[in-house]
Amino acid sequence: MADADAVYDDWYRWGRVVLYAEMGIAILVTVFSLYLAFTGQAGFLT
């Protein structure tokens, strides 16, 4: 890691924020979808 102390532009910080937010949303959607499926409310598991 030669660039351990590198200073990044502002877009890089906001890009990471957006990336982690999208990852969090994807995890929440997955958990919610599994919850609906296993409680029988999804409509395809009866």
PDB file of N, CA and C in Angstrom:
ATOM      1  N   MET A   1       0.844  -1.188   0.000  1.00  0.00           N
ATOM      2  CA  MET A   1       0.000   0.000   0.000  1.00  0.00           C
ATOM      3  C   MET A   1       0.886   1.247   0.000  1.00  0.00           C
ATOM      4  N   ALA A   2       1.289   1.638  -1.171  1.00  0.00           N
ATOM      5  CA  ALA A   2       2.159   2.810  -1.264  1.00  0.00           C
ATOM      6  C   ALA A   2       1.377   4.098  -1.060  1.00  0.00           C
ATOM      7  N   ASP A   3       0.085   4.071  -1.356  1.00  0.00           N
ATOM      8  CA  ASP A   3      -0.736   5.284  -1.255  1.00  0.00           C
ATOM      9  C   ASP A   3      -1.590   5.271   0.006  1.00  0.00           C
ATOM     10  N   ALA A   4      -1.053   4.828   1.104  1.00  0.00           N
ATOM     11  CA  ALA A   4      -1.829   4.737   2.337  1.00  0.00           C
ATOM     12  C   ALA A   4      -2.228   6.112   2.850  1.00  0.00           C
ATOM     13  N   ASP A   5      -1.412   7.123   2.593  1.00  0.00           N
ATOM     14  CA  ASP A   5      -1.705   8.474   3.065  1.00  0.00           C
ATOM     15  C   ASP A   5      -2.134   9.397   1.937  1.00  0.00           C
ATOM     16  N   ALA A   6      -2.620   8.826   0.855  1.00  0.00           N
ATOM     17  CA  ALA A   6      -3.011   9.638  -0.299  1.00  0.00           C
ATOM     18  C   ALA A   6      -4.260  10.452   0.030  1.00  0.00           C
ATOM     19  N   VAL A   7      -4.311  11.654  -0.493  1.00  0.00           N
ATOM     20  CA  VAL A   7      -5.475  12.515  -0.313  1.00  0.00           C
ATOM     21  C   VAL A   7      -6.351  12.357  -1.547  1.00  0.00           C
ATOM     22  N   TYR A   8      -7.600  11.962  -1.312  1.00  0.00           N
ATOM     23  CA  TYR A   8      -8.514  11.725  -2.426  1.00  0.00           C
ATOM     24  C   TYR A   8      -9.371  12.948  -2.671  1.00  0.00           C
ATOM     25  N   ASP A   9      -9.917  13.021  -3.884  1.00  0.00           N
ATOM     26  CA  ASP A   9     -10.809  14.122  -4.225  1.00  0.00           C
ATOM     27  C   ASP A   9     -12.137  13.961  -3.499  1.00  0.00           C
ATOM     28  N   ASP A  10     -12.945  15.021  -3.565  1.00  0.00           N
ATOM     29  CA  ASP A  10     -14.243  15.009  -2.888  1.00  0.00           C
ATOM     30  C   ASP A  10     -15.177  13.966  -3.494  1.00  0.00           C
ATOM     31  N   TRP A  11     -15.064  13.739  -4.810  1.00  0.00           N
ATOM     32  CA  TRP A  11     -15.947  12.769  -5.456  1.00  0.00           C
ATOM     33  C   TRP A  11     -15.690  11.370  -4.929  1.00  0.00           C
ATOM     34  N   TYR A  12     -14.452  11.082  -4.557  1.00  0.00           N
ATOM     35  CA  TYR A  12     -14.130   9.743  -4.076  1.00  0.00           C
ATOM     36  C   TYR A  12     -14.833   9.461  -2.751  1.00  0.00           C
ATOM     37  N   ARG A  13     -14.836  10.431  -1.861  1.00  0.00           N
ATOM     38  CA  ARG A  13     -15.497  10.248  -0.569  1.00  0.00           C
ATOM     39  C   ARG A  13     -16.995  10.071  -0.759  1.00  0.00           C
ATOM     40  N   TRP A  14     -17.595  10.911  -1.607  1.00  0.00           N
ATOM     41  CA  TRP A  14     -19.034  10.780  -1.840  1.00  0.00           C
ATOM     42  C   TRP A  14     -19.361   9.500  -2.605  1.00  0.00           C
ATOM     43  N   GLY A  15     -18.459   9.071  -3.479  1.00  0.00           N
ATOM     44  CA  GLY A  15     -18.667   7.806  -4.189  1.00  0.00           C
ATOM     45  C   GLY A  15     -18.700   6.634  -3.228  1.00  0.00           C
ATOM     46  N   ARG A  16     -17.810   6.657  -2.219  1.00  0.00           N
ATOM     47  CA  ARG A  16     -17.823   5.595  -1.215  1.00  0.00           C
ATOM     48  C   ARG A  16     -19.080   5.657  -0.370  1.00  0.00           C
ATOM     49  N   VAL A  17     -19.541   6.854  -0.031  1.00  0.00           N
ATOM     50  CA  VAL A  17     -20.770   6.986   0.752  1.00  0.00           C
ATOM     51  C   VAL A  17     -21.950   6.397  -0.017  1.00  0.00           C
ATOM     52  N   VAL A  18     -22.053   6.728  -1.296  1.00  0.00           N
ATOM     53  CA  VAL A  18     -23.151   6.212  -2.115  1.00  0.00           C
ATOM     54  C   VAL A  18     -23.037   4.699  -2.269  1.00  0.00           C
ATOM     55  N   LEU A  19     -21.819   4.209  -2.463  1.00  0.00           N
ATOM     56  CA  LEU A  19     -21.624   2.766  -2.609  1.00  0.00           C
ATOM     57  C   LEU A  19     -22.063   2.012  -1.362  1.00  0.00           C
ATOM     58  N   TYR A  20     -21.644   2.489  -0.193  1.00  0.00           N
ATOM     59  CA  TYR A  20     -22.031   1.813   1.042  1.00  0.00           C
ATOM     60  C   TYR A  20     -23.523   1.944   1.307  1.00  0.00           C
ATOM     61  N   ALA A  21     -24.117   3.061   0.923  1.00  0.00           N
ATOM     62  CA  ALA A  21     -25.568   3.213   1.086  1.00  0.00           C
ATOM     63  C   ALA A  21     -26.310   2.208   0.210  1.00  0.00           C
ATOM     64  N   GLU A  22     -25.844   2.038  -1.028  1.00  0.00           N
ATOM     65  CA  GLU A  22     -26.488   1.064  -1.911  1.00  0.00           C
ATOM     66  C   GLU A  22     -26.314  -0.357  -1.392  1.00  0.00           C
ATOM     67  N   MET A  23     -25.147  -0.640  -0.814  1.00  0.00           N
ATOM     68  CA  MET A  23     -24.942  -1.968  -0.235  1.00  0.00           C
ATOM     69  C   MET A  23     -25.893  -2.201   0.932  1.00  0.00           C
ATOM     70  N   GLY A  24     -26.084  -1.192   1.765  1.00  0.00           N
ATOM     71  CA  GLY A  24     -27.004  -1.316   2.881  1.00  0.00           C
ATOM     72  C   GLY A  24     -28.431  -1.519   2.430  1.00  0.00           C
ATOM     73  N   ILE A  25     -28.835  -0.773   1.400  1.00  0.00           N
ATOM     74  CA  ILE A  25     -30.192  -0.925   0.870  1.00  0.00           C
ATOM     75  C   ILE A  25     -30.384  -2.317   0.291  1.00  0.00           C
ATOM     76  N   ALA A  26     -29.380  -2.835  -0.411  1.00  0.00           N
ATOM     77  CA  ALA A  26     -29.488  -4.174  -0.992  1.00  0.00           C
ATOM     78  C   ALA A  26     -29.633  -5.231   0.094  1.00  0.00           C
ATOM     79  N   ILE A  27     -28.900  -5.087   1.187  1.00  0.00           N
ATOM     80  CA  ILE A  27     -29.011  -6.041   2.287  1.00  0.00           C
ATOM     81  C   ILE A  27     -30.392  -5.966   2.922  1.00  0.00           C
ATOM     82  N   LEU A  28     -30.903  -4.742   3.121  1.00  0.00           N
ATOM     83  CA  LEU A  28     -32.241  -4.593   3.707  1.00  0.00           C
ATOM     84  C   LEU A  28     -33.315  -5.194   2.808  1.00  0.00           C
ATOM     85  N   VAL A  29     -33.209  -4.980   1.507  1.00  0.00           N
ATOM     86  CA  VAL A  29     -34.198  -5.540   0.577  1.00  0.00           C
ATOM     87  C   VAL A  29     -34.140  -7.066   0.605  1.00  0.00           C
ATOM     88  N   THR A  30     -32.933  -7.616   0.679  1.00  0.00           N
ATOM     89  CA  THR A  30     -32.786  -9.068   0.731  1.00  0.00           C
ATOM     90  C   THR A  30     -33.409  -9.636   1.998  1.00  0.00           C
ATOM     91  N   VAL A  31     -33.132  -9.004   3.140  1.00  0.00           N
ATOM     92  CA  VAL A  31     -33.696  -9.480   4.406  1.00  0.00           C
ATOM     93  C   VAL A  31     -35.220  -9.373   4.384  1.00  0.00           C
ATOM     94  N   PHE A  32     -35.736  -8.269   3.866  1.00  0.00           N
ATOM     95  CA  PHE A  32     -37.190  -8.094   3.800  1.00  0.00           C
ATOM     96  C   PHE A  32     -37.823  -9.132   2.870  1.00  0.00           C
ATOM     97  N   SER A  33     -37.168  -9.400   1.752  1.00  0.00           N
ATOM     98  CA  SER A  33     -37.695 -10.395   0.820  1.00  0.00           C
ATOM     99  C   SER A  33     -37.706 -11.788   1.445  1.00  0.00           C
ATOM    100  N   LEU A  34     -36.635 -12.127   2.155  1.00  0.00           N
ATOM    101  CA  LEU A  34     -36.612 -13.429   2.828  1.00  0.00           C
ATOM    102  C   LEU A  34     -37.662 -13.504   3.926  1.00  0.00           C
ATOM    103  N   TYR A  35     -37.856 -12.413   4.640  1.00  0.00           N
ATOM    104  CA  TYR A  35     -38.896 -12.376   5.676  1.00  0.00           C
ATOM    105  C   TYR A  35     -40.266 -12.636   5.071  1.00  0.00           C
ATOM    106  N   LEU A  36     -40.563 -11.960   3.973  1.00  0.00           N
ATOM    107  CA  LEU A  36     -41.861 -12.173   3.330  1.00  0.00           C
ATOM    108  C   LEU A  36     -41.996 -13.603   2.823  1.00  0.00           C
ATOM    109  N   ALA A  37     -40.927 -14.141   2.258  1.00  0.00           N
ATOM    110  CA  ALA A  37     -40.998 -15.494   1.708  1.00  0.00           C
ATOM    111  C   ALA A  37     -41.235 -16.521   2.800  1.00  0.00           C
ATOM    112  N   PHE A  38     -40.521 -16.399   3.906  1.00  0.00           N
ATOM    113  CA  PHE A  38     -40.614 -17.422   4.944  1.00  0.00           C
ATOM    114  C   PHE A  38     -41.828 -17.254   5.847  1.00  0.00           C
ATOM    115  N   THR A  39     -42.474 -16.090   5.816  1.00  0.00           N
ATOM    116  CA  THR A  39     -43.711 -15.945   6.575  1.00  0.00           C
ATOM    117  C   THR A  39     -44.930 -16.208   5.717  1.00  0.00           C
ATOM    118  N   GLY A  40     -44.729 -16.519   4.443  1.00  0.00           N
ATOM    119  CA  GLY A  40     -45.832 -16.870   3.562  1.00  0.00           C
ATOM    120  C   GLY A  40     -46.589 -15.688   3.010  1.00  0.00           C
ATOM    121  N   GLN A  41     -46.037 -14.498   3.088  1.00  0.00           N
ATOM    122  CA  GLN A  41     -46.725 -13.311   2.597  1.00  0.00           C
ATOM    123  C   GLN A  41     -46.263 -12.884   1.204  1.00  0.00           C
ATOM    124  N   ALA A  42     -45.345 -13.632   0.612  1.00  0.00           N
ATOM    125  CA  ALA A  42     -44.788 -13.210  -0.660  1.00  0.00           C
ATOM    126  C   ALA A  42     -45.697 -13.569  -1.832  1.00  0.00           C
ATOM    127  N   GLY A  43     -46.543 -14.553  -1.654  1.00  0.00           N
ATOM    128  CA  GLY A  43     -47.487 -14.897  -2.708  1.00  0.00           C
ATOM    129  C   GLY A  43     -47.089 -16.098  -3.534  1.00  0.00           C
ATOM    130  N   PHE A  44     -45.796 -16.491  -3.498  1.00  0.00           N
ATOM    131  CA  PHE A  44     -45.394 -17.637  -4.299  1.00  0.00           C
ATOM    132  C   PHE A  44     -45.092 -18.864  -3.450  1.00  0.00           C
ATOM    133  N   LEU A  45     -44.974 -18.678  -2.132  1.00  0.00           N
ATOM    134  CA  LEU A  45     -44.844 -19.825  -1.231  1.00  0.00           C
ATOM    135  C   LEU A  45     -46.135 -19.928  -0.433  1.00  0.00           C
ATOM    136  N   THR A  46     -46.885 -21.003  -0.697  1.00  0.00           N
ATOM    137  CA  THR A  46     -48.164 -21.138   0.006  1.00  0.00           C
ATOM    138  C   THR A  46     -48.199 -22.399   0.828  1.00  0.00           C
TER     139      THR A  46
END
